[in-house]
Amino acid sequence: MKILKKSILADVSGLRIVRIDIFAPEIALKAQAGQFVVVMADEKGERIPLTIVDKDINTGSIQLIYQEAGFTTQILSRLKVGDSLYALVGPLGHPTEIKNYGKIILVGGGVGIAEILPVARALKQAGNQITTILGSRNKELLILEEELKNISDRIYIMTDDGSYGQKGFTTEMLKDLLSKDKYDLIYAVGPIPMMKMAAMVSKEYNTRTLVSLNALMVDATGMCGCCRVSVFGDVKFSCVDGPDFDASGVDWDELEKRNKVYSVQEKHICKLKL
């Protein structure tokens, strides 16, 4: 579980997105697109889920990307190359269903772009035509553009402030594309409001949409029930039933409320301990 490499992908006004390569040969051997690991940075830290962005069986490494958004990710960022994580478990969750669907739109917002990269790679290898929409607040926070350009048949960049690509939101481009052509599948990952809007847009055009949900997790093996979500009226657990779900069946309002449960405590802990 030693950190082999570490790099900063974005650093804007104290908001950092970090990439780390970790020695985890058994995980690298089994990991598939869409799966994740649970990381503990130190023995007193919480457990956080992070998507496996890439793997290298030859070096026995996996690649993770995270945004410094809370106490644990800031502790993780203090670790240097050569340091080891306290605990690492995975691969967890169901892999994304990879097959030749035909024409696919991938939508990535913010750090969710990291989560669509392995799925994009696998879908392209399966023979799909890939159109990718990437979105960020500004140019400086956009990540993995070149990697996804190399995979995609077409790529569109959207920024909130118009500093790069087109000004606007990813779902605006999604709506524009769906109004002009027929697509077989949409795969969207990003902030909950973005995925919720993608679900609404795709429903209008009767296009199947999968989302990878970032529900709160503690145990990540189905024991605690913390990551439960409602899908088509049934209770599901993101860790063992997901993380991919049909966007049209997700209770988005419930998910938004559940993900905000500990926001006040998280901010309080950060102020006390950092």
C-alpha atoms as a PDB file:
ATOM      1  CA  MET A   1       0.000   0.000   0.000  1.00  0.00           C
ATOM      2  CA  LYS A   2       2.971   2.263  -0.558  1.00  0.00           C
ATOM      3  CA  ILE A   3       2.528   5.470  -2.541  1.00  0.00           C
ATOM      4  CA  LEU A   4       4.641   5.138  -5.711  1.00  0.00           C
ATOM      5  CA  LYS A   5       3.800   8.426  -7.444  1.00  0.00           C
ATOM      6  CA  LYS A   6       1.976  11.619  -6.593  1.00  0.00           C
ATOM      7  CA  SER A   7       1.089  14.651  -8.695  1.00  0.00           C
ATOM      8  CA  ILE A   8      -1.167  17.700  -8.522  1.00  0.00           C
ATOM      9  CA  LEU A   9      -3.625  17.846 -11.427  1.00  0.00           C
ATOM     10  CA  ALA A  10      -5.174  21.157 -10.401  1.00  0.00           C
ATOM     11  CA  ASP A  11      -4.533  23.769  -7.712  1.00  0.00           C
ATOM     12  CA  VAL A  12      -6.772  26.814  -7.805  1.00  0.00           C
ATOM     13  CA  SER A  13      -7.314  29.062  -4.775  1.00  0.00           C
ATOM     14  CA  GLY A  14      -6.526  26.219  -2.404  1.00  0.00           C
ATOM     15  CA  LEU A  15      -8.772  23.729  -4.218  1.00  0.00           C
ATOM     16  CA  ARG A  16      -6.533  20.832  -5.220  1.00  0.00           C
ATOM     17  CA  ILE A  17      -7.100  17.697  -7.264  1.00  0.00           C
ATOM     18  CA  VAL A  18      -4.454  15.043  -6.651  1.00  0.00           C
ATOM     19  CA  ARG A  19      -3.412  11.857  -8.465  1.00  0.00           C
ATOM     20  CA  ILE A  20      -1.610   9.058  -6.621  1.00  0.00           C
ATOM     21  CA  ASP A  21      -0.295   5.668  -7.715  1.00  0.00           C
ATOM     22  CA  ILE A  22      -0.409   3.015  -4.995  1.00  0.00           C
ATOM     23  CA  PHE A  23       1.291  -0.377  -4.880  1.00  0.00           C
ATOM     24  CA  ALA A  24      -1.607  -2.849  -4.623  1.00  0.00           C
ATOM     25  CA  PRO A  25      -0.861  -5.815  -6.920  1.00  0.00           C
ATOM     26  CA  GLU A  26      -3.814  -7.991  -5.886  1.00  0.00           C
ATOM     27  CA  ILE A  27      -6.275  -5.167  -6.501  1.00  0.00           C
ATOM     28  CA  ALA A  28      -4.625  -4.255  -9.798  1.00  0.00           C
ATOM     29  CA  LEU A  29      -4.985  -7.849 -10.977  1.00  0.00           C
ATOM     30  CA  LYS A  30      -8.754  -7.955 -10.417  1.00  0.00           C
ATOM     31  CA  ALA A  31      -9.986  -4.372 -10.818  1.00  0.00           C
ATOM     32  CA  GLN A  32     -12.447  -3.597 -13.613  1.00  0.00           C
ATOM     33  CA  ALA A  33     -13.874  -0.349 -14.974  1.00  0.00           C
ATOM     34  CA  GLY A  34     -16.363   1.251 -12.598  1.00  0.00           C
ATOM     35  CA  GLN A  35     -15.062  -0.345  -9.415  1.00  0.00           C
ATOM     36  CA  PHE A  36     -13.595   1.461  -6.420  1.00  0.00           C
ATOM     37  CA  VAL A  37     -11.446   1.011  -3.329  1.00  0.00           C
ATOM     38  CA  VAL A  38     -11.894   2.199   0.236  1.00  0.00           C
ATOM     39  CA  VAL A  39      -8.942   4.069   1.700  1.00  0.00           C
ATOM     40  CA  MET A  40      -7.872   4.824   5.274  1.00  0.00           C
ATOM     41  CA  ALA A  41      -5.050   7.358   5.339  1.00  0.00           C
ATOM     42  CA  ASP A  42      -4.170   6.715   9.008  1.00  0.00           C
ATOM     43  CA  GLU A  43      -5.433   4.591  11.888  1.00  0.00           C
ATOM     44  CA  LYS A  44      -7.742   7.308  13.203  1.00  0.00           C
ATOM     45  CA  GLY A  45      -9.037   8.368   9.807  1.00  0.00           C
ATOM     46  CA  GLU A  46     -12.397   7.634   8.263  1.00  0.00           C
ATOM     47  CA  ARG A  47     -12.885   5.266   5.347  1.00  0.00           C
ATOM     48  CA  ILE A  48     -13.445   6.972   1.989  1.00  0.00           C
ATOM     49  CA  PRO A  49     -14.330   5.411  -1.387  1.00  0.00           C
ATOM     50  CA  LEU A  50     -12.228   6.356  -4.423  1.00  0.00           C
ATOM     51  CA  THR A  51     -12.679   5.120  -7.984  1.00  0.00           C
ATOM     52  CA  ILE A  52      -9.878   3.044  -9.508  1.00  0.00           C
ATOM     53  CA  VAL A  53      -8.941   5.334 -12.403  1.00  0.00           C
ATOM     54  CA  ASP A  54      -6.241   3.112 -13.886  1.00  0.00           C
ATOM     55  CA  LYS A  55      -4.126   0.071 -13.109  1.00  0.00           C
ATOM     56  CA  ASP A  56      -0.813  -1.418 -14.183  1.00  0.00           C
ATOM     57  CA  ILE A  57      -0.519  -5.166 -13.645  1.00  0.00           C
ATOM     58  CA  ASN A  58       3.211  -5.099 -14.489  1.00  0.00           C
ATOM     59  CA  THR A  59       4.042  -2.679 -11.671  1.00  0.00           C
ATOM     60  CA  GLY A  60       1.236  -3.890  -9.432  1.00  0.00           C
ATOM     61  CA  SER A  61      -0.147  -0.388  -9.058  1.00  0.00           C
ATOM     62  CA  ILE A  62      -3.513   1.318  -9.115  1.00  0.00           C
ATOM     63  CA  GLN A  63      -4.198   4.996  -9.739  1.00  0.00           C
ATOM     64  CA  LEU A  64      -6.583   7.106  -7.683  1.00  0.00           C
ATOM     65  CA  ILE A  65      -7.676  10.716  -8.130  1.00  0.00           C
ATOM     66  CA  TYR A  66      -9.326  12.782  -5.423  1.00  0.00           C
ATOM     67  CA  GLN A  67     -10.227  16.346  -4.581  1.00  0.00           C
ATOM     68  CA  GLU A  68      -9.259  17.778  -1.218  1.00  0.00           C
ATOM     69  CA  ALA A  69     -12.792  18.223   0.021  1.00  0.00           C
ATOM     70  CA  GLY A  70     -12.644  17.268   3.684  1.00  0.00           C
ATOM     71  CA  PHE A  71     -10.582  16.143   6.646  1.00  0.00           C
ATOM     72  CA  THR A  72      -9.557  12.714   5.346  1.00  0.00           C
ATOM     73  CA  THR A  73      -8.543  13.819   1.851  1.00  0.00           C
ATOM     74  CA  GLN A  74      -6.384  16.540   3.396  1.00  0.00           C
ATOM     75  CA  ILE A  75      -4.728  13.951   5.638  1.00  0.00           C
ATOM     76  CA  LEU A  76      -4.198  11.783   2.548  1.00  0.00           C
ATOM     77  CA  SER A  77      -2.503  14.702   0.815  1.00  0.00           C
ATOM     78  CA  ARG A  78       0.030  14.986   3.630  1.00  0.00           C
ATOM     79  CA  LEU A  79       1.420  11.561   2.749  1.00  0.00           C
ATOM     80  CA  LYS A  80       4.491  11.575   0.510  1.00  0.00           C
ATOM     81  CA  VAL A  81       5.909   9.200  -2.079  1.00  0.00           C
ATOM     82  CA  GLY A  82       7.248   6.225  -0.135  1.00  0.00           C
ATOM     83  CA  ASP A  83       4.678   6.524   2.648  1.00  0.00           C
ATOM     84  CA  SER A  84       2.047   3.825   3.076  1.00  0.00           C
ATOM     85  CA  LEU A  85      -1.686   3.980   3.608  1.00  0.00           C
ATOM     86  CA  TYR A  86      -3.013   2.560   6.852  1.00  0.00           C
ATOM     87  CA  ALA A  87      -5.594   0.413   5.041  1.00  0.00           C
ATOM     88  CA  LEU A  88      -6.848  -0.256   1.537  1.00  0.00           C
ATOM     89  CA  VAL A  89      -9.594  -2.651   0.433  1.00  0.00           C
ATOM     90  CA  GLY A  90     -10.961  -3.465  -3.004  1.00  0.00           C
ATOM     91  CA  PRO A  91     -11.917  -3.787  -5.714  1.00  0.00           C
ATOM     92  CA  LEU A  92     -15.456  -3.085  -4.518  1.00  0.00           C
ATOM     93  CA  GLY A  93     -18.776  -2.562  -6.261  1.00  0.00           C
ATOM     94  CA  HIS A  94     -20.075  -4.045  -9.496  1.00  0.00           C
ATOM     95  CA  PRO A  95     -18.035  -3.273 -12.616  1.00  0.00           C
ATOM     96  CA  THR A  96     -19.758  -1.158 -15.242  1.00  0.00           C
ATOM     97  CA  GLU A  97     -21.502  -3.353 -17.820  1.00  0.00           C
ATOM     98  CA  ILE A  98     -19.219  -3.160 -20.840  1.00  0.00           C
ATOM     99  CA  LYS A  99     -20.467  -4.209 -24.277  1.00  0.00           C
ATOM    100  CA  ASN A 100     -20.995  -2.760 -27.732  1.00  0.00           C
ATOM    101  CA  TYR A 101     -24.005  -0.502 -27.230  1.00  0.00           C
ATOM    102  CA  GLY A 102     -23.334   1.599 -30.322  1.00  0.00           C
ATOM    103  CA  LYS A 103     -23.265   5.383 -29.848  1.00  0.00           C
ATOM    104  CA  ILE A 104     -22.526   6.547 -26.320  1.00  0.00           C
ATOM    105  CA  ILE A 105     -22.300   9.926 -24.605  1.00  0.00           C
ATOM    106  CA  LEU A 106     -20.036  10.163 -21.570  1.00  0.00           C
ATOM    107  CA  VAL A 107     -20.604  13.146 -19.269  1.00  0.00           C
ATOM    108  CA  GLY A 108     -18.041  14.060 -16.624  1.00  0.00           C
ATOM    109  CA  GLY A 109     -18.277  16.978 -14.234  1.00  0.00           C
ATOM    110  CA  GLY A 110     -15.501  18.147 -11.908  1.00  0.00           C
ATOM    111  CA  VAL A 111     -13.607  15.302 -10.278  1.00  0.00           C
ATOM    112  CA  GLY A 112     -16.235  12.950 -11.763  1.00  0.00           C
ATOM    113  CA  ILE A 113     -14.164  13.162 -14.942  1.00  0.00           C
ATOM    114  CA  ALA A 114     -11.726  10.777 -13.257  1.00  0.00           C
ATOM    115  CA  GLU A 115     -14.504   8.231 -12.842  1.00  0.00           C
ATOM    116  CA  ILE A 116     -15.535   8.212 -16.501  1.00  0.00           C
ATOM    117  CA  LEU A 117     -11.971   7.654 -17.788  1.00  0.00           C
ATOM    118  CA  PRO A 118     -11.705   3.889 -17.091  1.00  0.00           C
ATOM    119  CA  VAL A 119     -15.263   3.369 -18.342  1.00  0.00           C
ATOM    120  CA  ALA A 120     -14.528   5.346 -21.511  1.00  0.00           C
ATOM    121  CA  ARG A 121     -11.446   3.242 -22.160  1.00  0.00           C
ATOM    122  CA  ALA A 122     -13.325  -0.048 -21.695  1.00  0.00           C
ATOM    123  CA  LEU A 123     -16.304   1.040 -23.805  1.00  0.00           C
ATOM    124  CA  LYS A 124     -14.018   2.144 -26.628  1.00  0.00           C
ATOM    125  CA  GLN A 125     -12.228  -1.213 -26.579  1.00  0.00           C
ATOM    126  CA  ALA A 126     -15.662  -2.868 -26.890  1.00  0.00           C
ATOM    127  CA  GLY A 127     -16.202  -1.050 -30.193  1.00  0.00           C
ATOM    128  CA  ASN A 128     -18.462   1.824 -29.145  1.00  0.00           C
ATOM    129  CA  GLN A 129     -18.512   5.284 -30.715  1.00  0.00           C
ATOM    130  CA  ILE A 130     -17.678   7.672 -27.895  1.00  0.00           C
ATOM    131  CA  THR A 131     -18.813  11.278 -27.536  1.00  0.00           C
ATOM    132  CA  THR A 132     -17.509  12.932 -24.376  1.00  0.00           C
ATOM    133  CA  ILE A 133     -18.682  16.057 -22.571  1.00  0.00           C
ATOM    134  CA  LEU A 134     -16.395  17.434 -19.855  1.00  0.00           C
ATOM    135  CA  GLY A 135     -17.309  20.224 -17.482  1.00  0.00           C
ATOM    136  CA  SER A 136     -15.546  22.251 -14.805  1.00  0.00           C
ATOM    137  CA  ARG A 137     -15.846  25.602 -13.079  1.00  0.00           C
ATOM    138  CA  ASN A 138     -12.964  27.000 -15.123  1.00  0.00           C
ATOM    139  CA  LYS A 139     -10.036  25.971 -17.325  1.00  0.00           C
ATOM    140  CA  GLU A 140      -7.656  25.500 -14.391  1.00  0.00           C
ATOM    141  CA  LEU A 141      -9.873  22.851 -12.767  1.00  0.00           C
ATOM    142  CA  LEU A 142     -10.343  20.755 -15.910  1.00  0.00           C
ATOM    143  CA  ILE A 143      -8.595  17.376 -15.621  1.00  0.00           C
ATOM    144  CA  LEU A 144      -7.722  14.469 -17.941  1.00  0.00           C
ATOM    145  CA  GLU A 145      -8.653  16.291 -21.130  1.00  0.00           C
ATOM    146  CA  GLU A 146      -5.847  14.782 -23.222  1.00  0.00           C
ATOM    147  CA  GLU A 147      -6.455  11.261 -21.946  1.00  0.00           C
ATOM    148  CA  LEU A 148     -10.119  11.442 -22.915  1.00  0.00           C
ATOM    149  CA  LYS A 149      -9.379  13.125 -26.235  1.00  0.00           C
ATOM    150  CA  ASN A 150      -7.308  10.090 -27.195  1.00  0.00           C
ATOM    151  CA  ILE A 151     -10.277   7.808 -26.486  1.00  0.00           C
ATOM    152  CA  SER A 152     -13.201   9.877 -27.758  1.00  0.00           C
ATOM    153  CA  ASP A 153     -14.486  10.231 -31.305  1.00  0.00           C
ATOM    154  CA  ARG A 154     -15.777  13.681 -30.352  1.00  0.00           C
ATOM    155  CA  ILE A 155     -15.200  15.757 -27.248  1.00  0.00           C
ATOM    156  CA  TYR A 156     -16.841  18.920 -25.935  1.00  0.00           C
ATOM    157  CA  ILE A 157     -15.535  21.115 -23.117  1.00  0.00           C
ATOM    158  CA  MET A 158     -17.842  23.253 -20.988  1.00  0.00           C
ATOM    159  CA  THR A 159     -16.780  25.726 -18.293  1.00  0.00           C
ATOM    160  CA  ASP A 160     -19.037  27.665 -15.942  1.00  0.00           C
ATOM    161  CA  ASP A 161     -17.161  30.929 -16.551  1.00  0.00           C
ATOM    162  CA  GLY A 162     -16.400  30.437 -20.257  1.00  0.00           C
ATOM    163  CA  SER A 163     -12.629  30.488 -19.686  1.00  0.00           C
ATOM    164  CA  TYR A 164     -12.197  27.405 -21.905  1.00  0.00           C
ATOM    165  CA  GLY A 165     -14.322  25.564 -24.429  1.00  0.00           C
ATOM    166  CA  GLN A 166     -17.917  26.751 -24.343  1.00  0.00           C
ATOM    167  CA  LYS A 167     -19.565  28.660 -21.517  1.00  0.00           C
ATOM    168  CA  GLY A 168     -22.319  26.711 -19.819  1.00  0.00           C
ATOM    169  CA  PHE A 169     -23.100  23.386 -18.224  1.00  0.00           C
ATOM    170  CA  THR A 170     -22.533  19.830 -19.460  1.00  0.00           C
ATOM    171  CA  THR A 171     -26.257  19.141 -19.480  1.00  0.00           C
ATOM    172  CA  GLU A 172     -26.832  22.006 -21.914  1.00  0.00           C
ATOM    173  CA  MET A 173     -24.502  20.318 -24.392  1.00  0.00           C
ATOM    174  CA  LEU A 174     -26.121  16.958 -23.629  1.00  0.00           C
ATOM    175  CA  LYS A 175     -29.550  18.350 -24.499  1.00  0.00           C
ATOM    176  CA  ASP A 176     -28.193  19.863 -27.710  1.00  0.00           C
ATOM    177  CA  LEU A 177     -26.646  16.567 -28.841  1.00  0.00           C
ATOM    178  CA  LEU A 178     -29.754  14.541 -28.026  1.00  0.00           C
ATOM    179  CA  SER A 179     -31.934  16.980 -29.951  1.00  0.00           C
ATOM    180  CA  LYS A 180     -29.870  16.380 -33.103  1.00  0.00           C
ATOM    181  CA  ASP A 181     -29.075  12.663 -33.045  1.00  0.00           C
ATOM    182  CA  LYS A 182     -30.017   9.314 -31.510  1.00  0.00           C
ATOM    183  CA  TYR A 183     -27.739   7.748 -28.894  1.00  0.00           C
ATOM    184  CA  ASP A 184     -27.868   4.304 -27.327  1.00  0.00           C
ATOM    185  CA  LEU A 185     -26.520   5.078 -23.851  1.00  0.00           C
ATOM    186  CA  ILE A 186     -25.448   7.950 -21.620  1.00  0.00           C
ATOM    187  CA  TYR A 187     -22.995   7.466 -18.745  1.00  0.00           C
ATOM    188  CA  ALA A 188     -22.767  10.443 -16.394  1.00  0.00           C
ATOM    189  CA  VAL A 189     -20.667  11.093 -13.295  1.00  0.00           C
ATOM    190  CA  GLY A 190     -20.261  14.312 -11.352  1.00  0.00           C
ATOM    191  CA  PRO A 191     -21.972  16.439  -8.715  1.00  0.00           C
ATOM    192  CA  ILE A 192     -25.447  15.235  -7.764  1.00  0.00           C
ATOM    193  CA  PRO A 193     -27.226  18.264  -9.326  1.00  0.00           C
ATOM    194  CA  MET A 194     -25.461  17.548 -12.632  1.00  0.00           C
ATOM    195  CA  MET A 195     -26.419  13.866 -12.646  1.00  0.00           C
ATOM    196  CA  LYS A 196     -29.984  14.742 -11.636  1.00  0.00           C
ATOM    197  CA  MET A 197     -30.274  17.157 -14.557  1.00  0.00           C
ATOM    198  CA  ALA A 198     -28.714  14.605 -16.932  1.00  0.00           C
ATOM    199  CA  ALA A 199     -31.415  12.148 -15.846  1.00  0.00           C
ATOM    200  CA  MET A 200     -34.138  14.699 -16.583  1.00  0.00           C
ATOM    201  CA  VAL A 201     -32.711  15.604 -19.997  1.00  0.00           C
ATOM    202  CA  SER A 202     -32.196  12.002 -21.080  1.00  0.00           C
ATOM    203  CA  LYS A 203     -35.706  11.032 -19.969  1.00  0.00           C
ATOM    204  CA  GLU A 204     -37.071  13.714 -22.282  1.00  0.00           C
ATOM    205  CA  TYR A 205     -35.312  12.012 -25.210  1.00  0.00           C
ATOM    206  CA  ASN A 206     -35.972   8.456 -24.014  1.00  0.00           C
ATOM    207  CA  THR A 207     -32.280   7.587 -23.772  1.00  0.00           C
ATOM    208  CA  ARG A 208     -31.037   5.101 -21.194  1.00  0.00           C
ATOM    209  CA  THR A 209     -28.696   6.754 -18.704  1.00  0.00           C
ATOM    210  CA  LEU A 210     -26.380   5.221 -16.122  1.00  0.00           C
ATOM    211  CA  VAL A 211     -24.898   7.197 -13.233  1.00  0.00           C
ATOM    212  CA  SER A 212     -22.178   6.282 -10.752  1.00  0.00           C
ATOM    213  CA  LEU A 213     -23.453   7.422  -7.356  1.00  0.00           C
ATOM    214  CA  ASN A 214     -21.187   8.950  -4.743  1.00  0.00           C
ATOM    215  CA  ALA A 215     -23.424   8.226  -1.752  1.00  0.00           C
ATOM    216  CA  LEU A 216     -21.896   8.434   1.721  1.00  0.00           C
ATOM    217  CA  MET A 217     -20.103   5.203   2.676  1.00  0.00           C
ATOM    218  CA  VAL A 218     -18.647   3.899   5.931  1.00  0.00           C
ATOM    219  CA  ASP A 219     -18.236   0.140   5.741  1.00  0.00           C
ATOM    220  CA  ALA A 220     -18.555  -0.175   1.928  1.00  0.00           C
ATOM    221  CA  THR A 221     -19.378  -3.880   2.154  1.00  0.00           C
ATOM    222  CA  GLY A 222     -23.133  -3.656   2.759  1.00  0.00           C
ATOM    223  CA  MET A 223     -22.952  -3.936   6.560  1.00  0.00           C
ATOM    224  CA  CYS A 224     -23.693  -0.378   7.712  1.00  0.00           C
ATOM    225  CA  GLY A 225     -26.443   0.724   5.328  1.00  0.00           C
ATOM    226  CA  CYS A 226     -25.062   4.262   5.223  1.00  0.00           C
ATOM    227  CA  CYS A 227     -24.971   4.430   1.423  1.00  0.00           C
ATOM    228  CA  ARG A 228     -28.568   3.379   0.826  1.00  0.00           C
ATOM    229  CA  VAL A 229     -30.384   4.982  -2.074  1.00  0.00           C
ATOM    230  CA  SER A 230     -33.888   4.577  -3.451  1.00  0.00           C
ATOM    231  CA  VAL A 231     -34.042   3.268  -7.027  1.00  0.00           C
ATOM    232  CA  PHE A 232     -37.448   2.670  -8.605  1.00  0.00           C
ATOM    233  CA  GLY A 233     -38.875   2.680  -5.069  1.00  0.00           C
ATOM    234  CA  ASP A 234     -36.566  -0.061  -3.762  1.00  0.00           C
ATOM    235  CA  VAL A 235     -33.781   0.436  -1.221  1.00  0.00           C
ATOM    236  CA  LYS A 236     -30.360  -0.234  -2.734  1.00  0.00           C
ATOM    237  CA  PHE A 237     -26.839   0.101  -1.365  1.00  0.00           C
ATOM    238  CA  SER A 238     -24.317   1.957  -3.498  1.00  0.00           C
ATOM    239  CA  CYS A 239     -21.414  -0.168  -2.281  1.00  0.00           C
ATOM    240  CA  VAL A 240     -22.784  -3.634  -3.118  1.00  0.00           C
ATOM    241  CA  ASP A 241     -25.638  -2.954  -5.553  1.00  0.00           C
ATOM    242  CA  GLY A 242     -23.834  -0.134  -7.385  1.00  0.00           C
ATOM    243  CA  PRO A 243     -22.154   2.178  -7.817  1.00  0.00           C
ATOM    244  CA  ASP A 244     -23.878   2.293 -11.245  1.00  0.00           C
ATOM    245  CA  PHE A 245     -27.648   2.758 -11.341  1.00  0.00           C
ATOM    246  CA  ASP A 246     -30.310   3.628 -13.900  1.00  0.00           C
ATOM    247  CA  ALA A 247     -30.609   7.407 -13.555  1.00  0.00           C
ATOM    248  CA  SER A 248     -34.331   7.432 -14.300  1.00  0.00           C
ATOM    249  CA  GLY A 249     -35.077   5.444 -11.135  1.00  0.00           C
ATOM    250  CA  VAL A 250     -32.937   7.330  -8.596  1.00  0.00           C
ATOM    251  CA  ASP A 251     -34.674   9.398  -5.903  1.00  0.00           C
ATOM    252  CA  TRP A 252     -32.409  12.410  -6.383  1.00  0.00           C
ATOM    253  CA  ASP A 253     -33.960  14.579  -3.677  1.00  0.00           C
ATOM    254  CA  GLU A 254     -33.401  11.886  -1.063  1.00  0.00           C
ATOM    255  CA  LEU A 255     -29.813  11.363  -2.216  1.00  0.00           C
ATOM    256  CA  GLU A 256     -29.041  15.078  -1.963  1.00  0.00           C
ATOM    257  CA  LYS A 257     -30.392  15.232   1.590  1.00  0.00           C
ATOM    258  CA  ARG A 258     -28.502  12.138   2.735  1.00  0.00           C
ATOM    259  CA  ASN A 259     -25.206  13.410   1.334  1.00  0.00           C
ATOM    260  CA  LYS A 260     -25.519  16.602   3.375  1.00  0.00           C
ATOM    261  CA  VAL A 261     -26.146  14.869   6.716  1.00  0.00           C
ATOM    262  CA  TYR A 262     -22.588  15.308   8.033  1.00  0.00           C
ATOM    263  CA  SER A 263     -21.567  18.488   6.209  1.00  0.00           C
ATOM    264  CA  VAL A 264     -21.610  20.644   9.364  1.00  0.00           C
ATOM    265  CA  GLN A 265     -19.623  18.113  11.394  1.00  0.00           C
ATOM    266  CA  GLU A 266     -17.062  17.719   8.594  1.00  0.00           C
ATOM    267  CA  LYS A 267     -16.383  21.457   8.505  1.00  0.00           C
ATOM    268  CA  HIS A 268     -16.122  21.550  12.300  1.00  0.00           C
ATOM    269  CA  ILE A 269     -13.595  18.684  12.386  1.00  0.00           C
ATOM    270  CA  CYS A 270     -11.467  20.315   9.685  1.00  0.00           C
ATOM    271  CA  LYS A 271     -11.251  23.539  11.675  1.00  0.00           C
ATOM    272  CA  LEU A 272     -10.341  21.713  14.879  1.00  0.00           C
ATOM    273  CA  LYS A 273      -7.732  19.271  13.554  1.00  0.00           C
ATOM    274  CA  LEU A 274      -6.035  20.922  10.566  1.00  0.00           C
END
